[in-house]
Amino acid sequence: MDTKLQEIIIFAKNKLAHDKTGHNFDHIERVVKMAQNLAKQQTGNVDLAVILAAAYLHDTIDDKLVANQQVALTQVINLLENLQFTPDQIKNITNTITKMSYSTSLNGKQELSIEGQIVQDADWLDALGAIGIMRAIYYGGAHGEKIYDPKIAPRDNMTKQDYRNLDNETIINHFYEKLFKLTSMLNTKQARQIAAKRQQFMADFVTNFKNEWDALS
């Protein structure tokens, strides 16, 4: 492993060491591995250094995890400059990590480079399937969300402010408001193939959950 990547890993670990919402370093490592796998399957040239850096750093500036996103972004830029990434690489990395989240796509997906698309796909795949279910429950529990309330309908056509407001959110509604939408929004053919199986697993889980809930109501 080269020195640049080691420094990025140390930075990301320090930033996310105390996360209790499903965005800890275990999540980061899964995103990195998936991004590497997706990158290997691309026919054109990709900048693997950009992919790895963005994958490791993407949650260190997430506005739901940091007190001040601009300060966090400045720290990332300073890190990349000190590690002598080129200006084009830094622009690619910062564009990726500031535009790849689902919340920034509520009014239409943001334009990303091929490297950015790969990292976005890797991150969104980690929100799907069995791991995605556990992360949704973990995040909802950390924020005191209800598990389910059939009287609270899933929200649609949300602004980012609406999406971040968890006052009347339920964990089950999160599947409809975000998770079930991700597969159709993925960028690469390889990611969509992986996502199809994972989405079906989640759909079966929600169906079974509701059947069990209704049987006792």
C-alpha atoms as a PDB file:
ATOM      1  CA  MET A   1       0.000   0.000   0.000  1.00  0.00           C
ATOM      2  CA  ASP A   2       1.448   3.375  -0.952  1.00  0.00           C
ATOM      3  CA  THR A   3       2.058   6.164   1.556  1.00  0.00           C
ATOM      4  CA  LYS A   4      -0.668   8.407   0.150  1.00  0.00           C
ATOM      5  CA  LEU A   5      -3.326   5.781   0.693  1.00  0.00           C
ATOM      6  CA  GLN A   6      -2.072   4.999   4.190  1.00  0.00           C
ATOM      7  CA  GLU A   7      -2.418   8.673   5.148  1.00  0.00           C
ATOM      8  CA  ILE A   8      -5.931   8.825   3.700  1.00  0.00           C
ATOM      9  CA  ILE A   9      -6.941   5.713   5.639  1.00  0.00           C
ATOM     10  CA  ILE A  10      -5.616   7.157   8.899  1.00  0.00           C
ATOM     11  CA  PHE A  11      -7.511  10.410   8.232  1.00  0.00           C
ATOM     12  CA  ALA A  12     -10.784   8.598   7.484  1.00  0.00           C
ATOM     13  CA  LYS A  13     -10.461   6.284  10.475  1.00  0.00           C
ATOM     14  CA  ASN A  14      -9.951   9.212  12.804  1.00  0.00           C
ATOM     15  CA  LYS A  15     -12.964  11.055  11.400  1.00  0.00           C
ATOM     16  CA  LEU A  16     -15.344   8.081  11.549  1.00  0.00           C
ATOM     17  CA  ALA A  17     -14.014   6.157  14.553  1.00  0.00           C
ATOM     18  CA  HIS A  18     -16.940   7.041  16.807  1.00  0.00           C
ATOM     19  CA  ASP A  19     -19.795   6.791  14.319  1.00  0.00           C
ATOM     20  CA  LYS A  20     -22.873   4.956  15.609  1.00  0.00           C
ATOM     21  CA  THR A  21     -25.142   5.373  12.573  1.00  0.00           C
ATOM     22  CA  GLY A  22     -23.835   2.739  10.143  1.00  0.00           C
ATOM     23  CA  HIS A  23     -21.255   5.030   8.528  1.00  0.00           C
ATOM     24  CA  ASN A  24     -18.236   3.719  10.428  1.00  0.00           C
ATOM     25  CA  PHE A  25     -15.017   2.411   8.935  1.00  0.00           C
ATOM     26  CA  ASP A  26     -16.487  -1.056   8.298  1.00  0.00           C
ATOM     27  CA  HIS A  27     -18.836   0.608   5.830  1.00  0.00           C
ATOM     28  CA  ILE A  28     -15.934   2.492   4.263  1.00  0.00           C
ATOM     29  CA  GLU A  29     -13.937  -0.693   3.745  1.00  0.00           C
ATOM     30  CA  ARG A  30     -16.874  -2.395   2.042  1.00  0.00           C
ATOM     31  CA  VAL A  31     -17.342   0.588  -0.273  1.00  0.00           C
ATOM     32  CA  VAL A  32     -13.643   0.560  -1.151  1.00  0.00           C
ATOM     33  CA  LYS A  33     -13.677  -3.161  -1.980  1.00  0.00           C
ATOM     34  CA  MET A  34     -16.821  -2.851  -4.082  1.00  0.00           C
ATOM     35  CA  ALA A  35     -15.421   0.197  -5.894  1.00  0.00           C
ATOM     36  CA  GLN A  36     -12.256  -1.761  -6.696  1.00  0.00           C
ATOM     37  CA  ASN A  37     -14.340  -4.629  -8.069  1.00  0.00           C
ATOM     38  CA  LEU A  38     -16.473  -2.320 -10.208  1.00  0.00           C
ATOM     39  CA  ALA A  39     -13.392  -0.484 -11.484  1.00  0.00           C
ATOM     40  CA  LYS A  40     -11.831  -3.739 -12.689  1.00  0.00           C
ATOM     41  CA  GLN A  41     -14.882  -4.384 -14.863  1.00  0.00           C
ATOM     42  CA  GLN A  42     -14.792  -1.049 -16.683  1.00  0.00           C
ATOM     43  CA  THR A  43     -13.644  -1.160 -20.306  1.00  0.00           C
ATOM     44  CA  GLY A  44     -12.177   2.348 -20.376  1.00  0.00           C
ATOM     45  CA  ASN A  45      -9.385   3.879 -18.349  1.00  0.00           C
ATOM     46  CA  VAL A  46     -10.147   4.947 -14.800  1.00  0.00           C
ATOM     47  CA  ASP A  47      -7.988   6.702 -12.218  1.00  0.00           C
ATOM     48  CA  LEU A  48      -7.823   4.150  -9.406  1.00  0.00           C
ATOM     49  CA  ALA A  49      -6.122   6.642  -7.083  1.00  0.00           C
ATOM     50  CA  VAL A  50      -9.139   8.946  -7.372  1.00  0.00           C
ATOM     51  CA  ILE A  51     -11.555   6.057  -6.825  1.00  0.00           C
ATOM     52  CA  LEU A  52      -9.793   4.836  -3.697  1.00  0.00           C
ATOM     53  CA  ALA A  53      -9.367   8.314  -2.245  1.00  0.00           C
ATOM     54  CA  ALA A  54     -13.028   9.209  -2.830  1.00  0.00           C
ATOM     55  CA  ALA A  55     -14.228   5.874  -1.467  1.00  0.00           C
ATOM     56  CA  TYR A  56     -12.234   6.280   1.727  1.00  0.00           C
ATOM     57  CA  LEU A  57     -13.126   9.946   2.193  1.00  0.00           C
ATOM     58  CA  HIS A  58     -16.751  10.154   1.069  1.00  0.00           C
ATOM     59  CA  ASP A  59     -18.342  10.114   4.531  1.00  0.00           C
ATOM     60  CA  THR A  60     -15.809  12.425   6.155  1.00  0.00           C
ATOM     61  CA  ILE A  61     -17.676  15.414   4.704  1.00  0.00           C
ATOM     62  CA  ASP A  62     -21.246  14.079   4.821  1.00  0.00           C
ATOM     63  CA  ASP A  63     -23.456  16.863   6.190  1.00  0.00           C
ATOM     64  CA  LYS A  64     -25.467  14.464   8.326  1.00  0.00           C
ATOM     65  CA  LEU A  65     -22.283  13.304  10.055  1.00  0.00           C
ATOM     66  CA  VAL A  66     -20.195  16.475  10.458  1.00  0.00           C
ATOM     67  CA  ALA A  67     -20.935  19.740  12.221  1.00  0.00           C
ATOM     68  CA  ASN A  68     -19.659  21.908   9.376  1.00  0.00           C
ATOM     69  CA  GLN A  69     -19.403  20.439   5.897  1.00  0.00           C
ATOM     70  CA  GLN A  70     -17.290  23.283   4.484  1.00  0.00           C
ATOM     71  CA  VAL A  71     -14.711  22.951   7.255  1.00  0.00           C
ATOM     72  CA  ALA A  72     -14.614  19.193   6.723  1.00  0.00           C
ATOM     73  CA  LEU A  73     -14.172  19.664   2.968  1.00  0.00           C
ATOM     74  CA  THR A  74     -11.333  22.132   3.496  1.00  0.00           C
ATOM     75  CA  GLN A  75      -9.588  19.573   5.683  1.00  0.00           C
ATOM     76  CA  VAL A  76      -9.917  16.973   2.932  1.00  0.00           C
ATOM     77  CA  ILE A  77      -8.557  19.361   0.300  1.00  0.00           C
ATOM     78  CA  ASN A  78      -5.605  20.227   2.541  1.00  0.00           C
ATOM     79  CA  LEU A  79      -4.893  16.529   3.014  1.00  0.00           C
ATOM     80  CA  LEU A  80      -4.966  15.831  -0.717  1.00  0.00           C
ATOM     81  CA  GLU A  81      -2.775  18.831  -1.496  1.00  0.00           C
ATOM     82  CA  ASN A  82      -0.244  17.760   1.132  1.00  0.00           C
ATOM     83  CA  LEU A  83      -0.210  14.293  -0.420  1.00  0.00           C
ATOM     84  CA  GLN A  84       0.508  15.904  -3.808  1.00  0.00           C
ATOM     85  CA  PHE A  85      -2.583  14.809  -5.679  1.00  0.00           C
ATOM     86  CA  THR A  86      -2.868  16.829  -8.865  1.00  0.00           C
ATOM     87  CA  PRO A  87      -5.393  19.695  -9.080  1.00  0.00           C
ATOM     88  CA  ASP A  88      -7.492  17.648 -11.528  1.00  0.00           C
ATOM     89  CA  GLN A  89      -7.505  14.673  -9.184  1.00  0.00           C
ATOM     90  CA  ILE A  90      -8.493  16.844  -6.223  1.00  0.00           C
ATOM     91  CA  LYS A  91     -11.306  18.411  -8.237  1.00  0.00           C
ATOM     92  CA  ASN A  92     -12.530  14.950  -9.251  1.00  0.00           C
ATOM     93  CA  ILE A  93     -12.399  13.620  -5.691  1.00  0.00           C
ATOM     94  CA  THR A  94     -14.136  16.618  -4.125  1.00  0.00           C
ATOM     95  CA  ASN A  95     -16.771  16.736  -6.867  1.00  0.00           C
ATOM     96  CA  THR A  96     -17.463  13.064  -6.218  1.00  0.00           C
ATOM     97  CA  ILE A  97     -17.769  13.207  -2.448  1.00  0.00           C
ATOM     98  CA  THR A  98     -19.906  16.368  -2.441  1.00  0.00           C
ATOM     99  CA  LYS A  99     -22.340  15.202  -5.136  1.00  0.00           C
ATOM    100  CA  MET A 100     -22.641  11.423  -4.752  1.00  0.00           C
ATOM    101  CA  SER A 101     -25.090  11.180  -1.851  1.00  0.00           C
ATOM    102  CA  TYR A 102     -28.741  10.337  -2.329  1.00  0.00           C
ATOM    103  CA  SER A 103     -29.782  13.627  -0.714  1.00  0.00           C
ATOM    104  CA  THR A 104     -28.020  15.595  -3.472  1.00  0.00           C
ATOM    105  CA  SER A 105     -29.933  13.572  -6.083  1.00  0.00           C
ATOM    106  CA  LEU A 106     -33.440  14.364  -4.858  1.00  0.00           C
ATOM    107  CA  ASN A 107     -33.900  16.941  -7.613  1.00  0.00           C
ATOM    108  CA  GLY A 108     -32.020  14.916 -10.219  1.00  0.00           C
ATOM    109  CA  LYS A 109     -28.720  13.090 -10.228  1.00  0.00           C
ATOM    110  CA  GLN A 110     -25.577  15.179 -10.173  1.00  0.00           C
ATOM    111  CA  GLU A 111     -23.014  14.873 -12.941  1.00  0.00           C
ATOM    112  CA  LEU A 112     -20.095  12.674 -11.903  1.00  0.00           C
ATOM    113  CA  SER A 113     -16.972  11.410 -13.629  1.00  0.00           C
ATOM    114  CA  ILE A 114     -16.664   7.680 -14.303  1.00  0.00           C
ATOM    115  CA  GLU A 115     -14.624   7.465 -11.092  1.00  0.00           C
ATOM    116  CA  GLY A 116     -17.390   9.254  -9.227  1.00  0.00           C
ATOM    117  CA  GLN A 117     -20.049   6.992 -10.707  1.00  0.00           C
ATOM    118  CA  ILE A 118     -18.140   3.924  -9.548  1.00  0.00           C
ATOM    119  CA  VAL A 119     -17.788   5.218  -5.990  1.00  0.00           C
ATOM    120  CA  GLN A 120     -21.439   6.258  -5.902  1.00  0.00           C
ATOM    121  CA  ASP A 121     -22.500   2.808  -7.069  1.00  0.00           C
ATOM    122  CA  ALA A 122     -20.293   1.126  -4.467  1.00  0.00           C
ATOM    123  CA  ASP A 123     -21.717   3.298  -1.698  1.00  0.00           C
ATOM    124  CA  TRP A 124     -25.325   2.789  -2.736  1.00  0.00           C
ATOM    125  CA  LEU A 125     -24.857  -0.968  -3.069  1.00  0.00           C
ATOM    126  CA  ASP A 126     -23.898  -1.024   0.597  1.00  0.00           C
ATOM    127  CA  ALA A 127     -27.371   0.353   1.374  1.00  0.00           C
ATOM    128  CA  LEU A 128     -29.011  -2.647  -0.292  1.00  0.00           C
ATOM    129  CA  GLY A 129     -29.497  -6.300   0.643  1.00  0.00           C
ATOM    130  CA  ALA A 130     -28.972  -7.827   4.076  1.00  0.00           C
ATOM    131  CA  ILE A 131     -26.312  -5.307   5.055  1.00  0.00           C
ATOM    132  CA  GLY A 132     -28.526  -2.485   3.856  1.00  0.00           C
ATOM    133  CA  ILE A 133     -31.377  -3.723   6.043  1.00  0.00           C
ATOM    134  CA  MET A 134     -29.130  -3.834   9.099  1.00  0.00           C
ATOM    135  CA  ARG A 135     -27.728  -0.373   8.369  1.00  0.00           C
ATOM    136  CA  ALA A 136     -31.223   1.084   7.978  1.00  0.00           C
ATOM    137  CA  ILE A 137     -32.238  -0.355  11.351  1.00  0.00           C
ATOM    138  CA  TYR A 138     -28.986   0.777  12.963  1.00  0.00           C
ATOM    139  CA  TYR A 139     -29.347   4.328  11.624  1.00  0.00           C
ATOM    140  CA  GLY A 140     -33.008   4.542  12.560  1.00  0.00           C
ATOM    141  CA  GLY A 141     -32.317   3.321  16.070  1.00  0.00           C
ATOM    142  CA  ALA A 142     -29.489   5.829  16.507  1.00  0.00           C
ATOM    143  CA  HIS A 143     -31.947   8.631  15.656  1.00  0.00           C
ATOM    144  CA  GLY A 144     -34.852   7.296  17.697  1.00  0.00           C
ATOM    145  CA  GLU A 145     -37.084   6.510  14.722  1.00  0.00           C
ATOM    146  CA  LYS A 146     -40.190   4.366  15.065  1.00  0.00           C
ATOM    147  CA  ILE A 147     -39.854   0.938  13.515  1.00  0.00           C
ATOM    148  CA  TYR A 148     -43.191   1.216  11.714  1.00  0.00           C
ATOM    149  CA  ASP A 149     -46.512   3.003  11.879  1.00  0.00           C
ATOM    150  CA  PRO A 150     -49.043   2.152   9.165  1.00  0.00           C
ATOM    151  CA  LYS A 151     -50.721   5.512   9.730  1.00  0.00           C
ATOM    152  CA  ILE A 152     -47.565   7.342   8.588  1.00  0.00           C
ATOM    153  CA  ALA A 153     -47.282   7.190   4.800  1.00  0.00           C
ATOM    154  CA  PRO A 154     -43.905   7.197   3.034  1.00  0.00           C
ATOM    155  CA  ARG A 155     -42.932  10.649   1.815  1.00  0.00           C
ATOM    156  CA  ASP A 156     -42.381  11.513  -1.836  1.00  0.00           C
ATOM    157  CA  ASN A 157     -41.091  14.521  -3.799  1.00  0.00           C
ATOM    158  CA  MET A 158     -38.947  15.534  -0.857  1.00  0.00           C
ATOM    159  CA  THR A 159     -36.529  18.410  -0.632  1.00  0.00           C
ATOM    160  CA  LYS A 160     -33.228  17.786   1.094  1.00  0.00           C
ATOM    161  CA  GLN A 161     -34.612  19.520   4.180  1.00  0.00           C
ATOM    162  CA  ASP A 162     -37.652  17.212   4.131  1.00  0.00           C
ATOM    163  CA  TYR A 163     -35.407  14.185   3.725  1.00  0.00           C
ATOM    164  CA  ARG A 164     -33.246  15.159   6.709  1.00  0.00           C
ATOM    165  CA  ASN A 165     -36.304  15.764   8.922  1.00  0.00           C
ATOM    166  CA  LEU A 166     -36.806  12.531  10.855  1.00  0.00           C
ATOM    167  CA  ASP A 167     -39.619  13.728  13.136  1.00  0.00           C
ATOM    168  CA  ASN A 168     -42.236  11.509  11.493  1.00  0.00           C
ATOM    169  CA  GLU A 169     -39.914   9.051   9.791  1.00  0.00           C
ATOM    170  CA  THR A 170     -40.128   5.282  10.320  1.00  0.00           C
ATOM    171  CA  ILE A 171     -37.492   2.692   9.507  1.00  0.00           C
ATOM    172  CA  ILE A 172     -39.835   0.817   7.181  1.00  0.00           C
ATOM    173  CA  ASN A 173     -40.757   4.008   5.329  1.00  0.00           C
ATOM    174  CA  HIS A 174     -37.067   4.585   4.618  1.00  0.00           C
ATOM    175  CA  PHE A 175     -37.147   1.584   2.312  1.00  0.00           C
ATOM    176  CA  TYR A 176     -39.786   3.310   0.152  1.00  0.00           C
ATOM    177  CA  GLU A 177     -38.335   6.798   0.435  1.00  0.00           C
ATOM    178  CA  LYS A 178     -34.802   5.800  -0.565  1.00  0.00           C
ATOM    179  CA  LEU A 179     -33.648   2.193  -0.614  1.00  0.00           C
ATOM    180  CA  PHE A 180     -36.089   0.786  -3.171  1.00  0.00           C
ATOM    181  CA  LYS A 181     -35.230   3.668  -5.513  1.00  0.00           C
ATOM    182  CA  LEU A 182     -31.476   3.125  -5.606  1.00  0.00           C
ATOM    183  CA  THR A 183     -31.275   0.227  -8.069  1.00  0.00           C
ATOM    184  CA  SER A 184     -32.787   2.228 -10.928  1.00  0.00           C
ATOM    185  CA  MET A 185     -30.426   5.125 -10.185  1.00  0.00           C
ATOM    186  CA  LEU A 186     -27.161   3.174 -10.339  1.00  0.00           C
ATOM    187  CA  ASN A 187     -24.665   4.082 -13.032  1.00  0.00           C
ATOM    188  CA  THR A 188     -22.923   0.882 -14.110  1.00  0.00           C
ATOM    189  CA  LYS A 189     -24.325  -2.333 -15.551  1.00  0.00           C
ATOM    190  CA  GLN A 190     -22.310  -4.360 -13.063  1.00  0.00           C
ATOM    191  CA  ALA A 191     -23.759  -2.490 -10.076  1.00  0.00           C
ATOM    192  CA  ARG A 192     -27.320  -2.869 -11.349  1.00  0.00           C
ATOM    193  CA  GLN A 193     -26.832  -6.624 -11.704  1.00  0.00           C
ATOM    194  CA  ILE A 194     -25.667  -6.893  -8.101  1.00  0.00           C
ATOM    195  CA  ALA A 195     -28.429  -4.594  -6.891  1.00  0.00           C
ATOM    196  CA  ALA A 196     -31.282  -6.574  -8.466  1.00  0.00           C
ATOM    197  CA  LYS A 197     -30.780  -9.553  -6.149  1.00  0.00           C
ATOM    198  CA  ARG A 198     -30.219  -7.349  -3.123  1.00  0.00           C
ATOM    199  CA  GLN A 199     -33.342  -5.303  -3.798  1.00  0.00           C
ATOM    200  CA  GLN A 200     -35.465  -8.447  -4.062  1.00  0.00           C
ATOM    201  CA  PHE A 201     -34.113  -9.594  -0.701  1.00  0.00           C
ATOM    202  CA  MET A 202     -35.141  -6.275   0.844  1.00  0.00           C
ATOM    203  CA  ALA A 203     -38.564  -6.348  -0.789  1.00  0.00           C
ATOM    204  CA  ASP A 204     -39.185  -9.827   0.619  1.00  0.00           C
ATOM    205  CA  PHE A 205     -38.081  -8.645   4.052  1.00  0.00           C
ATOM    206  CA  VAL A 206     -40.485  -5.688   4.049  1.00  0.00           C
ATOM    207  CA  THR A 207     -43.339  -7.870   2.805  1.00  0.00           C
ATOM    208  CA  ASN A 208     -42.721 -10.429   5.541  1.00  0.00           C
ATOM    209  CA  PHE A 209     -42.377  -7.697   8.148  1.00  0.00           C
ATOM    210  CA  LYS A 210     -45.730  -6.157   7.203  1.00  0.00           C
ATOM    211  CA  ASN A 211     -47.443  -9.554   7.101  1.00  0.00           C
ATOM    212  CA  GLU A 212     -46.221 -10.337  10.615  1.00  0.00           C
ATOM    213  CA  TRP A 213     -47.192  -6.859  11.841  1.00  0.00           C
ATOM    214  CA  ASP A 214     -50.677  -7.075  10.329  1.00  0.00           C
ATOM    215  CA  ALA A 215     -51.231 -10.544  11.791  1.00  0.00           C
ATOM    216  CA  LEU A 216     -50.880  -9.089  15.295  1.00  0.00           C
ATOM    217  CA  SER A 217     -52.807  -5.859  14.767  1.00  0.00           C
END
